[in-house]
Amino acid sequence: MATADGSPPHDSPEQGVKKAGMAFPFIDHVGVRIEEIGQGTSRLTLRVQPFHNNSQGVVHGGALFTLADTGMGAALYAVPGPQERGSTLEIKINYFKPVRAGTVECRSQVVHRGRTVANLESSLFVDGVLMAKANGSFAIFEPKAKSGTD
């Protein structure tokens, strides 16, 4: 059921994150969609387009890496305290099969969250087939107040 202005009654996860003041120009450009965000989990998708392909005619590893990194960040988003943020420290990814077409689904989860570092995993699927798996570490911090010199 829509609201009086015709919009859906609840924000999508992506709209909720954006309303929290977070902008994602790069992932918007690439075409990543935030489908679900839970407590320490996320599900994102990327509908493969010709511009995602490398010179071999398969999806460039960097596009899949972007999906995994963004999925981990989204999974971590709901876990830190209200003033905390997360930032990628490092990620390792294994590519198992080439992605040629379709929609890539990224399922991410927090493996462990410490005081200053979290470890996360992302699994990338096409039609239920595991295509790649990534593991990453993210710094957890409180942003510094902005000054005129930042």
N, C-alpha and C. Protein backbone atom coordinates (compact mmCIF):
# COMPACT_ATOMS: atom_id res chain seq x y z
N MET A 1 0.85 -1.17 0.00
CA MET A 1 0.00 0.00 0.00
C MET A 1 0.89 1.24 0.00
N ALA A 2 0.56 2.21 -0.84
CA ALA A 2 1.35 3.43 -0.96
C ALA A 2 0.89 4.47 0.05
N THR A 3 1.77 5.44 0.33
CA THR A 3 1.41 6.55 1.20
C THR A 3 0.60 7.55 0.40
N ALA A 4 0.17 8.65 1.03
CA ALA A 4 -0.65 9.66 0.38
C ALA A 4 0.01 10.24 -0.87
N ASP A 5 1.34 10.32 -0.87
CA ASP A 5 2.03 10.88 -2.04
C ASP A 5 2.35 9.81 -3.10
N GLY A 6 1.88 8.58 -2.89
CA GLY A 6 2.07 7.52 -3.86
C GLY A 6 3.35 6.72 -3.69
N SER A 7 4.19 7.11 -2.72
CA SER A 7 5.45 6.39 -2.50
C SER A 7 5.21 5.16 -1.65
N PRO A 8 6.13 4.19 -1.68
CA PRO A 8 5.98 3.00 -0.84
C PRO A 8 5.98 3.40 0.63
N PRO A 9 5.33 2.60 1.49
CA PRO A 9 5.22 2.96 2.91
C PRO A 9 6.55 2.89 3.65
N HIS A 10 7.50 2.11 3.18
CA HIS A 10 8.80 1.98 3.85
C HIS A 10 9.90 2.22 2.85
N ASP A 11 10.99 2.80 3.34
CA ASP A 11 12.14 3.01 2.49
C ASP A 11 12.79 1.67 2.16
N SER A 12 13.37 1.59 0.97
CA SER A 12 14.21 0.44 0.65
C SER A 12 15.46 0.56 1.50
N PRO A 13 16.23 -0.53 1.66
CA PRO A 13 17.48 -0.41 2.42
C PRO A 13 18.39 0.67 1.84
N GLU A 14 18.43 0.75 0.51
CA GLU A 14 19.28 1.74 -0.13
C GLU A 14 18.81 3.16 0.21
N GLN A 15 17.50 3.39 0.18
CA GLN A 15 16.97 4.71 0.52
C GLN A 15 17.24 5.04 1.98
N GLY A 16 17.11 4.04 2.86
CA GLY A 16 17.37 4.28 4.28
C GLY A 16 18.81 4.68 4.54
N VAL A 17 19.75 4.02 3.87
CA VAL A 17 21.17 4.35 4.03
C VAL A 17 21.42 5.76 3.50
N LYS A 18 20.85 6.08 2.36
CA LYS A 18 21.04 7.40 1.78
C LYS A 18 20.41 8.48 2.64
N LYS A 19 19.26 8.19 3.26
CA LYS A 19 18.64 9.16 4.16
C LYS A 19 19.51 9.42 5.38
N ALA A 20 20.34 8.45 5.74
CA ALA A 20 21.24 8.61 6.88
C ALA A 20 22.41 9.53 6.52
N GLY A 21 22.38 10.08 5.31
CA GLY A 21 23.40 11.04 4.92
C GLY A 21 24.57 10.44 4.17
N MET A 22 24.43 9.20 3.71
CA MET A 22 25.52 8.55 3.01
C MET A 22 25.24 8.59 1.50
N ALA A 23 26.17 9.09 0.73
CA ALA A 23 26.06 9.12 -0.72
C ALA A 23 27.05 8.13 -1.32
N PHE A 24 26.67 7.51 -2.41
CA PHE A 24 27.49 6.48 -3.05
C PHE A 24 27.62 6.73 -4.55
N PRO A 25 28.25 7.82 -4.96
CA PRO A 25 28.31 8.10 -6.40
C PRO A 25 28.97 7.00 -7.22
N PHE A 26 30.02 6.37 -6.70
CA PHE A 26 30.71 5.34 -7.47
C PHE A 26 29.84 4.10 -7.64
N ILE A 27 29.24 3.60 -6.57
CA ILE A 27 28.44 2.38 -6.72
C ILE A 27 27.17 2.66 -7.52
N ASP A 28 26.65 3.89 -7.43
CA ASP A 28 25.52 4.25 -8.28
C ASP A 28 25.95 4.19 -9.75
N HIS A 29 27.14 4.68 -10.04
CA HIS A 29 27.68 4.68 -11.40
C HIS A 29 27.87 3.25 -11.92
N VAL A 30 28.40 2.37 -11.07
CA VAL A 30 28.65 0.99 -11.47
C VAL A 30 27.34 0.21 -11.62
N GLY A 31 26.32 0.57 -10.85
CA GLY A 31 25.03 -0.10 -10.94
C GLY A 31 24.74 -1.05 -9.79
N VAL A 32 25.49 -0.97 -8.71
CA VAL A 32 25.26 -1.81 -7.53
C VAL A 32 23.97 -1.36 -6.85
N ARG A 33 23.14 -2.34 -6.46
CA ARG A 33 21.90 -2.06 -5.74
C ARG A 33 21.95 -2.71 -4.37
N ILE A 34 21.62 -1.94 -3.34
CA ILE A 34 21.51 -2.48 -1.98
C ILE A 34 20.09 -3.01 -1.83
N GLU A 35 19.95 -4.33 -1.72
CA GLU A 35 18.63 -4.96 -1.64
C GLU A 35 18.17 -5.16 -0.19
N GLU A 36 19.09 -5.57 0.68
CA GLU A 36 18.76 -5.83 2.09
C GLU A 36 19.94 -5.48 2.97
N ILE A 37 19.64 -4.93 4.14
CA ILE A 37 20.65 -4.73 5.17
C ILE A 37 20.05 -5.24 6.47
N GLY A 38 20.74 -6.16 7.12
CA GLY A 38 20.30 -6.68 8.41
C GLY A 38 21.34 -6.39 9.46
N GLN A 39 21.17 -6.95 10.62
CA GLN A 39 22.15 -6.78 11.71
C GLN A 39 23.38 -7.60 11.37
N GLY A 40 24.37 -6.96 10.75
CA GLY A 40 25.60 -7.65 10.40
C GLY A 40 25.54 -8.42 9.10
N THR A 41 24.52 -8.19 8.28
CA THR A 41 24.39 -8.87 6.98
C THR A 41 23.93 -7.87 5.92
N SER A 42 24.18 -8.23 4.67
CA SER A 42 23.63 -7.45 3.57
C SER A 42 23.47 -8.34 2.35
N ARG A 43 22.62 -7.88 1.44
CA ARG A 43 22.45 -8.54 0.15
C ARG A 43 22.38 -7.44 -0.90
N LEU A 44 23.31 -7.48 -1.84
CA LEU A 44 23.40 -6.50 -2.91
C LEU A 44 23.34 -7.22 -4.24
N THR A 45 22.98 -6.50 -5.29
CA THR A 45 22.96 -7.09 -6.63
C THR A 45 23.64 -6.16 -7.63
N LEU A 46 24.09 -6.78 -8.71
CA LEU A 46 24.65 -6.06 -9.85
C LEU A 46 24.15 -6.75 -11.10
N ARG A 47 23.31 -6.04 -11.87
CA ARG A 47 22.84 -6.58 -13.14
C ARG A 47 23.94 -6.32 -14.18
N VAL A 48 24.48 -7.39 -14.73
CA VAL A 48 25.62 -7.29 -15.64
C VAL A 48 25.22 -6.53 -16.90
N GLN A 49 26.07 -5.56 -17.25
CA GLN A 49 25.91 -4.74 -18.46
C GLN A 49 27.18 -4.88 -19.30
N PRO A 50 27.13 -4.58 -20.58
CA PRO A 50 28.33 -4.70 -21.42
C PRO A 50 29.52 -3.90 -20.90
N PHE A 51 29.28 -2.75 -20.27
CA PHE A 51 30.41 -1.94 -19.79
C PHE A 51 31.11 -2.55 -18.58
N HIS A 52 30.54 -3.61 -17.97
CA HIS A 52 31.21 -4.31 -16.87
C HIS A 52 32.28 -5.27 -17.39
N ASN A 53 32.26 -5.58 -18.68
CA ASN A 53 33.15 -6.61 -19.24
C ASN A 53 34.58 -6.13 -19.42
N ASN A 54 35.49 -7.09 -19.30
CA ASN A 54 36.90 -6.83 -19.62
C ASN A 54 37.15 -7.19 -21.08
N SER A 55 38.39 -7.19 -21.51
CA SER A 55 38.72 -7.47 -22.92
C SER A 55 38.46 -8.92 -23.31
N GLN A 56 38.26 -9.80 -22.33
CA GLN A 56 37.97 -11.22 -22.61
C GLN A 56 36.47 -11.50 -22.73
N GLY A 57 35.64 -10.45 -22.54
CA GLY A 57 34.20 -10.63 -22.68
C GLY A 57 33.50 -11.15 -21.44
N VAL A 58 34.19 -11.12 -20.30
CA VAL A 58 33.57 -11.51 -19.02
C VAL A 58 33.64 -10.31 -18.08
N VAL A 59 32.86 -10.37 -17.01
CA VAL A 59 32.82 -9.24 -16.07
C VAL A 59 34.21 -9.04 -15.45
N HIS A 60 34.65 -7.80 -15.48
CA HIS A 60 35.96 -7.41 -14.93
C HIS A 60 35.99 -7.72 -13.43
N GLY A 61 37.10 -8.27 -12.97
CA GLY A 61 37.25 -8.59 -11.55
C GLY A 61 37.05 -7.38 -10.65
N GLY A 62 37.39 -6.21 -11.13
CA GLY A 62 37.22 -4.99 -10.33
C GLY A 62 35.74 -4.68 -10.05
N ALA A 63 34.87 -5.02 -10.99
CA ALA A 63 33.43 -4.82 -10.76
C ALA A 63 32.94 -5.76 -9.67
N LEU A 64 33.41 -7.01 -9.69
CA LEU A 64 33.02 -7.97 -8.66
C LEU A 64 33.62 -7.60 -7.31
N PHE A 65 34.87 -7.12 -7.33
CA PHE A 65 35.52 -6.67 -6.10
C PHE A 65 34.74 -5.50 -5.50
N THR A 66 34.31 -4.57 -6.34
CA THR A 66 33.50 -3.43 -5.86
C THR A 66 32.23 -3.92 -5.19
N LEU A 67 31.58 -4.90 -5.79
CA LEU A 67 30.36 -5.46 -5.21
C LEU A 67 30.64 -6.09 -3.85
N ALA A 68 31.72 -6.87 -3.73
CA ALA A 68 32.07 -7.51 -2.46
C ALA A 68 32.42 -6.47 -1.39
N ASP A 69 33.23 -5.49 -1.76
CA ASP A 69 33.63 -4.43 -0.82
C ASP A 69 32.42 -3.66 -0.32
N THR A 70 31.54 -3.30 -1.23
CA THR A 70 30.34 -2.54 -0.86
C THR A 70 29.40 -3.39 -0.01
N GLY A 71 29.31 -4.68 -0.32
CA GLY A 71 28.48 -5.58 0.48
C GLY A 71 28.99 -5.69 1.91
N MET A 72 30.30 -5.77 2.07
CA MET A 72 30.88 -5.83 3.42
C MET A 72 30.62 -4.53 4.16
N GLY A 73 30.81 -3.40 3.49
CA GLY A 73 30.54 -2.12 4.13
C GLY A 73 29.09 -1.99 4.56
N ALA A 74 28.18 -2.46 3.73
CA ALA A 74 26.75 -2.40 4.07
C ALA A 74 26.42 -3.31 5.25
N ALA A 75 27.05 -4.50 5.30
CA ALA A 75 26.82 -5.41 6.42
C ALA A 75 27.33 -4.82 7.72
N LEU A 76 28.43 -4.10 7.64
CA LEU A 76 29.01 -3.48 8.83
C LEU A 76 28.23 -2.25 9.27
N TYR A 77 27.53 -1.61 8.33
CA TYR A 77 26.81 -0.36 8.58
C TYR A 77 25.90 -0.43 9.81
N ALA A 78 25.18 -1.54 9.97
CA ALA A 78 24.21 -1.65 11.08
C ALA A 78 24.84 -2.08 12.39
N VAL A 79 26.12 -2.46 12.37
CA VAL A 79 26.75 -3.02 13.57
C VAL A 79 27.42 -1.98 14.47
N PRO A 80 28.19 -1.02 13.91
CA PRO A 80 28.84 -0.05 14.81
C PRO A 80 27.85 0.79 15.59
N GLY A 81 28.36 1.50 16.59
CA GLY A 81 27.54 2.41 17.36
C GLY A 81 27.07 3.57 16.49
N PRO A 82 26.19 4.41 17.01
CA PRO A 82 25.58 5.47 16.20
C PRO A 82 26.56 6.48 15.61
N GLN A 83 27.69 6.72 16.25
CA GLN A 83 28.66 7.69 15.74
C GLN A 83 29.83 7.03 15.02
N GLU A 84 29.83 5.70 14.91
CA GLU A 84 30.96 5.00 14.31
C GLU A 84 30.77 4.80 12.81
N ARG A 85 31.89 4.69 12.14
CA ARG A 85 31.91 4.42 10.71
C ARG A 85 32.91 3.29 10.46
N GLY A 86 32.82 2.69 9.28
CA GLY A 86 33.76 1.65 8.90
C GLY A 86 34.46 2.03 7.61
N SER A 87 35.69 1.57 7.47
CA SER A 87 36.47 1.84 6.26
C SER A 87 37.33 0.62 5.94
N THR A 88 37.39 0.26 4.68
CA THR A 88 38.15 -0.91 4.25
C THR A 88 39.63 -0.78 4.59
N LEU A 89 40.16 -1.79 5.25
CA LEU A 89 41.61 -1.89 5.48
C LEU A 89 42.26 -2.77 4.41
N GLU A 90 41.68 -3.95 4.19
CA GLU A 90 42.19 -4.86 3.16
C GLU A 90 41.13 -5.89 2.82
N ILE A 91 41.21 -6.39 1.59
CA ILE A 91 40.29 -7.43 1.12
C ILE A 91 41.06 -8.40 0.24
N LYS A 92 40.75 -9.68 0.41
CA LYS A 92 41.28 -10.73 -0.47
C LYS A 92 40.07 -11.37 -1.14
N ILE A 93 40.17 -11.58 -2.45
CA ILE A 93 39.05 -12.19 -3.17
C ILE A 93 39.55 -13.36 -4.01
N ASN A 94 38.77 -14.43 -4.05
CA ASN A 94 39.03 -15.58 -4.91
C ASN A 94 37.93 -15.64 -5.95
N TYR A 95 38.32 -15.71 -7.23
CA TYR A 95 37.39 -15.83 -8.33
C TYR A 95 37.36 -17.30 -8.75
N PHE A 96 36.17 -17.90 -8.73
CA PHE A 96 36.05 -19.32 -9.04
C PHE A 96 35.60 -19.58 -10.47
N LYS A 97 34.70 -18.73 -10.97
CA LYS A 97 34.15 -18.91 -12.32
C LYS A 97 33.97 -17.55 -12.95
N PRO A 98 34.12 -17.46 -14.27
CA PRO A 98 33.88 -16.17 -14.93
C PRO A 98 32.39 -15.84 -14.95
N VAL A 99 32.08 -14.57 -14.76
CA VAL A 99 30.70 -14.10 -14.86
C VAL A 99 30.54 -13.52 -16.25
N ARG A 100 29.56 -14.05 -16.99
CA ARG A 100 29.34 -13.64 -18.37
C ARG A 100 28.07 -12.81 -18.55
N ALA A 101 27.06 -13.06 -17.73
CA ALA A 101 25.77 -12.39 -17.90
C ALA A 101 24.94 -12.62 -16.64
N GLY A 102 23.79 -11.98 -16.59
CA GLY A 102 22.84 -12.19 -15.50
C GLY A 102 22.98 -11.17 -14.41
N THR A 103 22.49 -11.54 -13.24
CA THR A 103 22.56 -10.67 -12.07
C THR A 103 23.44 -11.34 -11.02
N VAL A 104 24.44 -10.61 -10.57
CA VAL A 104 25.33 -11.12 -9.52
C VAL A 104 24.73 -10.72 -8.19
N GLU A 105 24.55 -11.70 -7.31
CA GLU A 105 24.04 -11.45 -5.95
C GLU A 105 25.21 -11.59 -4.97
N CYS A 106 25.37 -10.59 -4.14
CA CYS A 106 26.42 -10.59 -3.13
C CYS A 106 25.79 -10.69 -1.75
N ARG A 107 26.13 -11.74 -1.03
CA ARG A 107 25.67 -11.92 0.35
C ARG A 107 26.87 -11.74 1.27
N SER A 108 26.76 -10.78 2.16
CA SER A 108 27.88 -10.45 3.05
C SER A 108 27.46 -10.59 4.51
N GLN A 109 28.46 -10.88 5.36
CA GLN A 109 28.18 -10.97 6.79
C GLN A 109 29.41 -10.61 7.61
N VAL A 110 29.15 -10.09 8.79
CA VAL A 110 30.22 -9.83 9.75
C VAL A 110 30.63 -11.16 10.35
N VAL A 111 31.91 -11.48 10.30
CA VAL A 111 32.44 -12.70 10.91
C VAL A 111 32.81 -12.41 12.36
N HIS A 112 33.49 -11.29 12.58
CA HIS A 112 33.90 -10.89 13.92
C HIS A 112 34.00 -9.38 13.97
N ARG A 113 33.51 -8.80 15.06
CA ARG A 113 33.62 -7.36 15.26
C ARG A 113 34.33 -7.10 16.57
N GLY A 114 35.51 -6.50 16.47
CA GLY A 114 36.23 -6.07 17.66
C GLY A 114 35.95 -4.60 17.92
N ARG A 115 36.72 -4.00 18.80
CA ARG A 115 36.52 -2.59 19.13
C ARG A 115 36.92 -1.67 17.99
N THR A 116 38.02 -2.00 17.29
CA THR A 116 38.53 -1.12 16.24
C THR A 116 38.63 -1.77 14.86
N VAL A 117 38.46 -3.09 14.77
CA VAL A 117 38.55 -3.79 13.49
C VAL A 117 37.46 -4.85 13.41
N ALA A 118 36.86 -4.98 12.23
CA ALA A 118 35.87 -6.03 11.97
C ALA A 118 36.34 -6.87 10.80
N ASN A 119 36.01 -8.16 10.82
CA ASN A 119 36.30 -9.06 9.71
C ASN A 119 34.97 -9.46 9.09
N LEU A 120 34.91 -9.43 7.76
CA LEU A 120 33.68 -9.73 7.04
C LEU A 120 33.94 -10.66 5.87
N GLU A 121 32.87 -11.31 5.39
CA GLU A 121 32.94 -12.18 4.22
C GLU A 121 31.84 -11.79 3.24
N SER A 122 32.16 -11.92 1.95
CA SER A 122 31.16 -11.76 0.89
C SER A 122 31.24 -12.97 -0.01
N SER A 123 30.08 -13.48 -0.40
CA SER A 123 29.98 -14.56 -1.38
C SER A 123 29.16 -14.03 -2.55
N LEU A 124 29.68 -14.23 -3.77
CA LEU A 124 29.02 -13.73 -4.97
C LEU A 124 28.47 -14.90 -5.78
N PHE A 125 27.19 -14.80 -6.14
CA PHE A 125 26.48 -15.87 -6.83
C PHE A 125 25.83 -15.35 -8.11
N VAL A 126 25.72 -16.23 -9.10
CA VAL A 126 24.87 -16.00 -10.27
C VAL A 126 23.99 -17.23 -10.39
N ASP A 127 22.68 -17.02 -10.33
CA ASP A 127 21.72 -18.13 -10.39
C ASP A 127 22.04 -19.23 -9.38
N GLY A 128 22.46 -18.82 -8.17
CA GLY A 128 22.73 -19.77 -7.09
C GLY A 128 24.09 -20.44 -7.17
N VAL A 129 24.89 -20.15 -8.18
CA VAL A 129 26.22 -20.75 -8.33
C VAL A 129 27.26 -19.78 -7.76
N LEU A 130 28.11 -20.29 -6.86
CA LEU A 130 29.16 -19.46 -6.26
C LEU A 130 30.21 -19.11 -7.31
N MET A 131 30.40 -17.81 -7.53
CA MET A 131 31.35 -17.33 -8.53
C MET A 131 32.64 -16.79 -7.90
N ALA A 132 32.52 -16.21 -6.70
CA ALA A 132 33.68 -15.63 -6.03
C ALA A 132 33.39 -15.52 -4.55
N LYS A 133 34.46 -15.44 -3.76
CA LYS A 133 34.33 -15.28 -2.31
C LYS A 133 35.43 -14.33 -1.85
N ALA A 134 35.06 -13.41 -0.95
CA ALA A 134 36.02 -12.42 -0.46
C ALA A 134 35.99 -12.37 1.06
N ASN A 135 37.13 -12.00 1.63
CA ASN A 135 37.26 -11.79 3.07
C ASN A 135 37.98 -10.48 3.26
N GLY A 136 37.47 -9.65 4.18
CA GLY A 136 38.08 -8.34 4.38
C GLY A 136 38.08 -7.89 5.82
N SER A 137 38.96 -6.95 6.08
CA SER A 137 39.06 -6.30 7.39
C SER A 137 38.71 -4.83 7.21
N PHE A 138 37.91 -4.32 8.15
CA PHE A 138 37.47 -2.93 8.11
C PHE A 138 37.82 -2.26 9.42
N ALA A 139 38.34 -1.03 9.34
CA ALA A 139 38.58 -0.21 10.53
C ALA A 139 37.24 0.32 11.02
N ILE A 140 37.10 0.40 12.33
CA ILE A 140 35.92 1.00 12.95
C ILE A 140 36.41 2.22 13.72
N PHE A 141 35.80 3.36 13.46
CA PHE A 141 36.27 4.61 14.07
C PHE A 141 35.13 5.61 14.18
N GLU A 142 35.36 6.63 15.00
CA GLU A 142 34.44 7.76 15.07
C GLU A 142 35.03 8.87 14.22
N PRO A 143 34.26 9.40 13.26
CA PRO A 143 34.80 10.46 12.41
C PRO A 143 35.19 11.68 13.23
N LYS A 144 36.26 12.32 12.79
CA LYS A 144 36.67 13.57 13.42
C LYS A 144 35.74 14.68 12.96
N ALA A 145 35.54 15.66 13.83
CA ALA A 145 34.73 16.80 13.44
C ALA A 145 35.42 17.52 12.30
N LYS A 146 34.64 17.94 11.30
CA LYS A 146 35.24 18.63 10.16
C LYS A 146 35.61 20.06 10.55
N SER A 147 36.76 20.46 10.05
CA SER A 147 37.19 21.85 10.24
C SER A 147 37.38 22.48 8.87
N GLY A 148 37.68 23.74 8.84
CA GLY A 148 37.87 24.43 7.58
C GLY A 148 39.11 23.98 6.83
N THR A 149 39.97 23.18 7.47
CA THR A 149 41.21 22.74 6.82
C THR A 149 41.17 21.29 6.38
N ASP A 150 40.06 20.59 6.57
CA ASP A 150 39.98 19.17 6.15
C ASP A 150 39.89 19.03 4.66
